[in-house]
Amino acid sequence: MSSAYLWVFASVVFAVVGDYFAKLWSTNLSIRVYIATLLCYLIGGTLYMPVLLKENLVTTALIWSLLNIIGFSFIGFYLFEEHISTIQMIGMGFGVIAIILLTMGH
């Protein structure tokens, strides 16, 4: 695995943690949680920047998106006990399949 993909993974971790804090903020409107959200997103974006020096945007952005979808789905379903309809679940599945197919040419 290229070091660029380790940067992608690290960026996703901060983006997913940022998603967690954003959802948490939406339930209690704490300024500390709001700042934590912004910091996570800032760090995640900063960690992604070196990736573009080594890999192309399309492939890495699609991989980042897929990993982010998995991460925030986990947070929504398991930590916040959110529910979606069957048709939404099918749409999510097609979205994941589309991202996988788009990254296969790499």
N, C-alpha and C. Protein backbone atom coordinates (compact mmCIF):
# COMPACT_ATOMS: atom_id res chain seq x y z
N MET A 1 0.86 -1.19 0.00
CA MET A 1 0.00 0.00 0.00
C MET A 1 0.89 1.24 0.00
N SER A 2 0.58 2.13 -0.87
CA SER A 2 1.31 3.39 -0.98
C SER A 2 1.10 4.24 0.27
N SER A 3 2.12 5.03 0.61
CA SER A 3 2.00 5.91 1.78
C SER A 3 0.87 6.93 1.56
N ALA A 4 0.55 7.23 0.32
CA ALA A 4 -0.54 8.16 0.03
C ALA A 4 -1.86 7.63 0.59
N TYR A 5 -2.04 6.33 0.51
CA TYR A 5 -3.29 5.75 1.01
C TYR A 5 -3.34 5.73 2.54
N LEU A 6 -2.19 5.72 3.18
CA LEU A 6 -2.17 5.88 4.64
C LEU A 6 -2.63 7.28 5.02
N TRP A 7 -2.22 8.27 4.21
CA TRP A 7 -2.68 9.65 4.43
C TRP A 7 -4.19 9.74 4.21
N VAL A 8 -4.68 9.03 3.19
CA VAL A 8 -6.13 9.02 2.93
C VAL A 8 -6.85 8.44 4.14
N PHE A 9 -6.36 7.32 4.64
CA PHE A 9 -6.99 6.68 5.79
C PHE A 9 -6.97 7.60 7.01
N ALA A 10 -5.84 8.24 7.27
CA ALA A 10 -5.75 9.16 8.41
C ALA A 10 -6.73 10.32 8.24
N SER A 11 -6.85 10.83 7.04
CA SER A 11 -7.79 11.91 6.76
C SER A 11 -9.22 11.46 7.03
N VAL A 12 -9.55 10.26 6.61
CA VAL A 12 -10.89 9.72 6.82
C VAL A 12 -11.19 9.58 8.31
N VAL A 13 -10.21 9.13 9.07
CA VAL A 13 -10.42 8.97 10.51
C VAL A 13 -10.85 10.31 11.12
N PHE A 14 -10.14 11.37 10.78
CA PHE A 14 -10.50 12.68 11.33
C PHE A 14 -11.84 13.18 10.79
N ALA A 15 -12.14 12.89 9.53
CA ALA A 15 -13.44 13.30 8.96
C ALA A 15 -14.58 12.56 9.66
N VAL A 16 -14.39 11.28 9.93
CA VAL A 16 -15.44 10.49 10.59
C VAL A 16 -15.62 10.95 12.04
N VAL A 17 -14.52 11.22 12.72
CA VAL A 17 -14.62 11.76 14.08
C VAL A 17 -15.30 13.13 14.03
N GLY A 18 -14.98 13.91 13.01
CA GLY A 18 -15.66 15.20 12.82
C GLY A 18 -17.16 15.01 12.60
N ASP A 19 -17.53 13.98 11.83
CA ASP A 19 -18.95 13.67 11.63
C ASP A 19 -19.62 13.33 12.96
N TYR A 20 -18.91 12.55 13.77
CA TYR A 20 -19.44 12.20 15.09
C TYR A 20 -19.69 13.46 15.92
N PHE A 21 -18.68 14.33 15.97
CA PHE A 21 -18.84 15.57 16.76
C PHE A 21 -19.94 16.47 16.18
N ALA A 22 -20.05 16.51 14.85
CA ALA A 22 -21.10 17.33 14.23
C ALA A 22 -22.49 16.83 14.64
N LYS A 23 -22.67 15.53 14.62
CA LYS A 23 -23.97 14.97 15.03
C LYS A 23 -24.19 15.22 16.52
N LEU A 24 -23.14 15.05 17.33
CA LEU A 24 -23.24 15.31 18.76
C LEU A 24 -23.60 16.78 19.00
N TRP A 25 -22.97 17.67 18.25
CA TRP A 25 -23.28 19.10 18.38
C TRP A 25 -24.75 19.37 18.06
N SER A 26 -25.28 18.67 17.05
CA SER A 26 -26.67 18.91 16.66
C SER A 26 -27.66 18.53 17.75
N THR A 27 -27.22 17.74 18.72
CA THR A 27 -28.11 17.34 19.81
C THR A 27 -27.96 18.20 21.05
N ASN A 28 -26.85 18.95 21.16
CA ASN A 28 -26.69 19.76 22.38
C ASN A 28 -26.13 21.17 22.16
N LEU A 29 -25.73 21.51 20.94
CA LEU A 29 -25.27 22.86 20.57
C LEU A 29 -24.15 23.41 21.45
N SER A 30 -23.25 22.55 21.89
CA SER A 30 -22.11 22.96 22.70
C SER A 30 -21.05 23.62 21.83
N ILE A 31 -20.53 24.76 22.26
CA ILE A 31 -19.48 25.45 21.51
C ILE A 31 -18.20 24.61 21.47
N ARG A 32 -17.92 23.88 22.55
CA ARG A 32 -16.72 23.01 22.57
C ARG A 32 -16.83 21.90 21.53
N VAL A 33 -18.00 21.32 21.43
CA VAL A 33 -18.21 20.26 20.44
C VAL A 33 -18.14 20.85 19.03
N TYR A 34 -18.66 22.04 18.85
CA TYR A 34 -18.59 22.73 17.57
C TYR A 34 -17.13 22.96 17.15
N ILE A 35 -16.32 23.43 18.09
CA ILE A 35 -14.90 23.67 17.80
C ILE A 35 -14.17 22.36 17.53
N ALA A 36 -14.50 21.31 18.29
CA ALA A 36 -13.90 19.99 18.05
C ALA A 36 -14.24 19.50 16.64
N THR A 37 -15.47 19.75 16.22
CA THR A 37 -15.91 19.37 14.87
C THR A 37 -15.06 20.07 13.82
N LEU A 38 -14.93 21.38 13.96
CA LEU A 38 -14.15 22.15 12.99
C LEU A 38 -12.69 21.72 12.97
N LEU A 39 -12.12 21.46 14.15
CA LEU A 39 -10.72 21.02 14.21
C LEU A 39 -10.52 19.67 13.53
N CYS A 40 -11.44 18.76 13.76
CA CYS A 40 -11.33 17.44 13.10
C CYS A 40 -11.40 17.59 11.59
N TYR A 41 -12.33 18.38 11.11
CA TYR A 41 -12.44 18.59 9.66
C TYR A 41 -11.19 19.29 9.11
N LEU A 42 -10.66 20.25 9.84
CA LEU A 42 -9.45 20.94 9.41
C LEU A 42 -8.26 19.98 9.34
N ILE A 43 -8.08 19.18 10.38
CA ILE A 43 -6.98 18.22 10.39
C ILE A 43 -7.16 17.18 9.29
N GLY A 44 -8.39 16.70 9.12
CA GLY A 44 -8.65 15.72 8.07
C GLY A 44 -8.32 16.26 6.69
N GLY A 45 -8.73 17.48 6.41
CA GLY A 45 -8.43 18.10 5.13
C GLY A 45 -6.94 18.33 4.94
N THR A 46 -6.28 18.73 6.00
CA THR A 46 -4.84 18.96 5.95
C THR A 46 -4.08 17.66 5.68
N LEU A 47 -4.52 16.57 6.29
CA LEU A 47 -3.87 15.28 6.07
C LEU A 47 -4.09 14.77 4.64
N TYR A 48 -5.18 15.20 4.02
CA TYR A 48 -5.47 14.76 2.66
C TYR A 48 -4.59 15.47 1.63
N MET A 49 -4.16 16.66 1.91
CA MET A 49 -3.41 17.47 0.94
C MET A 49 -2.17 16.77 0.37
N PRO A 50 -1.32 16.12 1.19
CA PRO A 50 -0.13 15.46 0.62
C PRO A 50 -0.46 14.34 -0.36
N VAL A 51 -1.64 13.77 -0.25
CA VAL A 51 -2.06 12.70 -1.14
C VAL A 51 -2.03 13.17 -2.59
N LEU A 52 -2.43 14.41 -2.80
CA LEU A 52 -2.53 14.94 -4.16
C LEU A 52 -1.17 15.13 -4.82
N LEU A 53 -0.10 15.10 -4.03
CA LEU A 53 1.25 15.17 -4.60
C LEU A 53 1.67 13.84 -5.21
N LYS A 54 1.02 12.74 -4.77
CA LYS A 54 1.44 11.41 -5.19
C LYS A 54 0.41 10.67 -6.04
N GLU A 55 -0.86 10.95 -5.84
CA GLU A 55 -1.92 10.21 -6.51
C GLU A 55 -2.89 11.19 -7.16
N ASN A 56 -3.73 10.65 -8.05
CA ASN A 56 -4.69 11.55 -8.71
C ASN A 56 -5.92 11.78 -7.84
N LEU A 57 -6.54 12.89 -8.06
CA LEU A 57 -7.68 13.34 -7.26
C LEU A 57 -8.87 12.39 -7.37
N VAL A 58 -9.21 11.96 -8.57
CA VAL A 58 -10.42 11.17 -8.76
C VAL A 58 -10.36 9.88 -7.95
N THR A 59 -9.29 9.13 -8.10
CA THR A 59 -9.18 7.85 -7.40
C THR A 59 -9.16 8.03 -5.89
N THR A 60 -8.33 8.93 -5.41
CA THR A 60 -8.23 9.09 -3.96
C THR A 60 -9.51 9.67 -3.36
N ALA A 61 -10.15 10.57 -4.07
CA ALA A 61 -11.40 11.14 -3.56
C ALA A 61 -12.49 10.08 -3.49
N LEU A 62 -12.53 9.19 -4.46
CA LEU A 62 -13.53 8.12 -4.43
C LEU A 62 -13.26 7.14 -3.29
N ILE A 63 -12.01 6.79 -3.09
CA ILE A 63 -11.66 5.91 -1.96
C ILE A 63 -11.99 6.60 -0.65
N TRP A 64 -11.64 7.89 -0.54
CA TRP A 64 -11.94 8.66 0.66
C TRP A 64 -13.45 8.65 0.91
N SER A 65 -14.22 8.85 -0.15
CA SER A 65 -15.68 8.88 -0.02
C SER A 65 -16.23 7.54 0.47
N LEU A 66 -15.75 6.46 -0.11
CA LEU A 66 -16.21 5.14 0.29
C LEU A 66 -15.91 4.88 1.76
N LEU A 67 -14.69 5.16 2.18
CA LEU A 67 -14.33 4.95 3.58
C LEU A 67 -15.13 5.86 4.50
N ASN A 68 -15.37 7.08 4.07
CA ASN A 68 -16.17 8.02 4.86
C ASN A 68 -17.61 7.54 4.98
N ILE A 69 -18.18 7.01 3.90
CA ILE A 69 -19.55 6.49 3.94
C ILE A 69 -19.64 5.35 4.96
N ILE A 70 -18.68 4.47 4.93
CA ILE A 70 -18.67 3.36 5.89
C ILE A 70 -18.57 3.91 7.31
N GLY A 71 -17.70 4.88 7.51
CA GLY A 71 -17.51 5.46 8.85
C GLY A 71 -18.72 6.17 9.38
N PHE A 72 -19.32 7.06 8.58
CA PHE A 72 -20.46 7.79 9.13
C PHE A 72 -21.71 6.93 9.19
N SER A 73 -21.79 5.89 8.36
CA SER A 73 -22.91 4.95 8.48
C SER A 73 -22.82 4.21 9.82
N PHE A 74 -21.62 3.79 10.17
CA PHE A 74 -21.42 3.12 11.46
C PHE A 74 -21.84 4.03 12.61
N ILE A 75 -21.39 5.27 12.56
CA ILE A 75 -21.73 6.23 13.61
C ILE A 75 -23.25 6.44 13.68
N GLY A 76 -23.87 6.67 12.55
CA GLY A 76 -25.31 6.91 12.53
C GLY A 76 -26.11 5.72 13.02
N PHE A 77 -25.77 4.54 12.51
CA PHE A 77 -26.56 3.35 12.85
C PHE A 77 -26.30 2.86 14.27
N TYR A 78 -25.03 2.80 14.66
CA TYR A 78 -24.70 2.14 15.93
C TYR A 78 -24.54 3.08 17.11
N LEU A 79 -23.98 4.25 16.89
CA LEU A 79 -23.77 5.16 18.02
C LEU A 79 -24.98 6.05 18.27
N PHE A 80 -25.65 6.47 17.19
CA PHE A 80 -26.81 7.35 17.35
C PHE A 80 -28.14 6.64 17.08
N GLU A 81 -28.06 5.35 16.77
CA GLU A 81 -29.24 4.49 16.56
C GLU A 81 -30.24 5.08 15.57
N GLU A 82 -29.71 5.64 14.48
CA GLU A 82 -30.55 6.17 13.42
C GLU A 82 -31.05 5.03 12.54
N HIS A 83 -32.17 5.25 11.90
CA HIS A 83 -32.77 4.25 11.03
C HIS A 83 -33.03 4.86 9.67
N ILE A 84 -32.91 4.04 8.63
CA ILE A 84 -33.27 4.48 7.28
C ILE A 84 -34.20 3.45 6.68
N SER A 85 -34.94 3.87 5.67
CA SER A 85 -35.90 2.97 5.03
C SER A 85 -35.16 1.96 4.16
N THR A 86 -35.89 0.94 3.76
CA THR A 86 -35.31 -0.09 2.90
C THR A 86 -34.85 0.51 1.58
N ILE A 87 -35.65 1.40 1.00
CA ILE A 87 -35.27 2.00 -0.28
C ILE A 87 -34.01 2.87 -0.12
N GLN A 88 -33.88 3.54 1.02
CA GLN A 88 -32.67 4.33 1.27
C GLN A 88 -31.46 3.40 1.43
N MET A 89 -31.66 2.25 2.09
CA MET A 89 -30.58 1.28 2.26
C MET A 89 -30.13 0.74 0.89
N ILE A 90 -31.09 0.47 0.03
CA ILE A 90 -30.76 0.00 -1.33
C ILE A 90 -29.99 1.08 -2.08
N GLY A 91 -30.43 2.32 -1.98
CA GLY A 91 -29.72 3.44 -2.62
C GLY A 91 -28.31 3.58 -2.10
N MET A 92 -28.14 3.42 -0.79
CA MET A 92 -26.81 3.48 -0.19
C MET A 92 -25.93 2.35 -0.74
N GLY A 93 -26.51 1.17 -0.87
CA GLY A 93 -25.77 0.04 -1.43
C GLY A 93 -25.32 0.30 -2.85
N PHE A 94 -26.23 0.84 -3.66
CA PHE A 94 -25.86 1.19 -5.04
C PHE A 94 -24.77 2.26 -5.07
N GLY A 95 -24.84 3.21 -4.16
CA GLY A 95 -23.81 4.25 -4.08
C GLY A 95 -22.44 3.66 -3.77
N VAL A 96 -22.41 2.74 -2.83
CA VAL A 96 -21.15 2.09 -2.47
C VAL A 96 -20.63 1.27 -3.65
N ILE A 97 -21.53 0.53 -4.31
CA ILE A 97 -21.13 -0.24 -5.49
C ILE A 97 -20.58 0.67 -6.58
N ALA A 98 -21.22 1.81 -6.80
CA ALA A 98 -20.76 2.76 -7.81
C ALA A 98 -19.35 3.26 -7.48
N ILE A 99 -19.11 3.58 -6.23
CA ILE A 99 -17.78 4.08 -5.85
C ILE A 99 -16.74 2.97 -6.03
N ILE A 100 -17.08 1.75 -5.67
CA ILE A 100 -16.15 0.63 -5.86
C ILE A 100 -15.84 0.45 -7.34
N LEU A 101 -16.87 0.47 -8.19
CA LEU A 101 -16.64 0.32 -9.63
C LEU A 101 -15.79 1.45 -10.19
N LEU A 102 -16.01 2.67 -9.72
CA LEU A 102 -15.23 3.80 -10.21
C LEU A 102 -13.76 3.72 -9.80
N THR A 103 -13.47 3.06 -8.70
CA THR A 103 -12.08 2.97 -8.25
C THR A 103 -11.36 1.75 -8.80
N MET A 104 -12.07 0.84 -9.44
CA MET A 104 -11.45 -0.39 -9.92
C MET A 104 -10.47 -0.19 -11.06
N GLY A 105 -10.59 0.87 -11.81
CA GLY A 105 -9.69 1.11 -12.93
C GLY A 105 -8.31 1.59 -12.51
N HIS A 106 -8.11 1.78 -11.22
CA HIS A 106 -6.84 2.34 -10.72
C HIS A 106 -5.74 1.32 -10.77
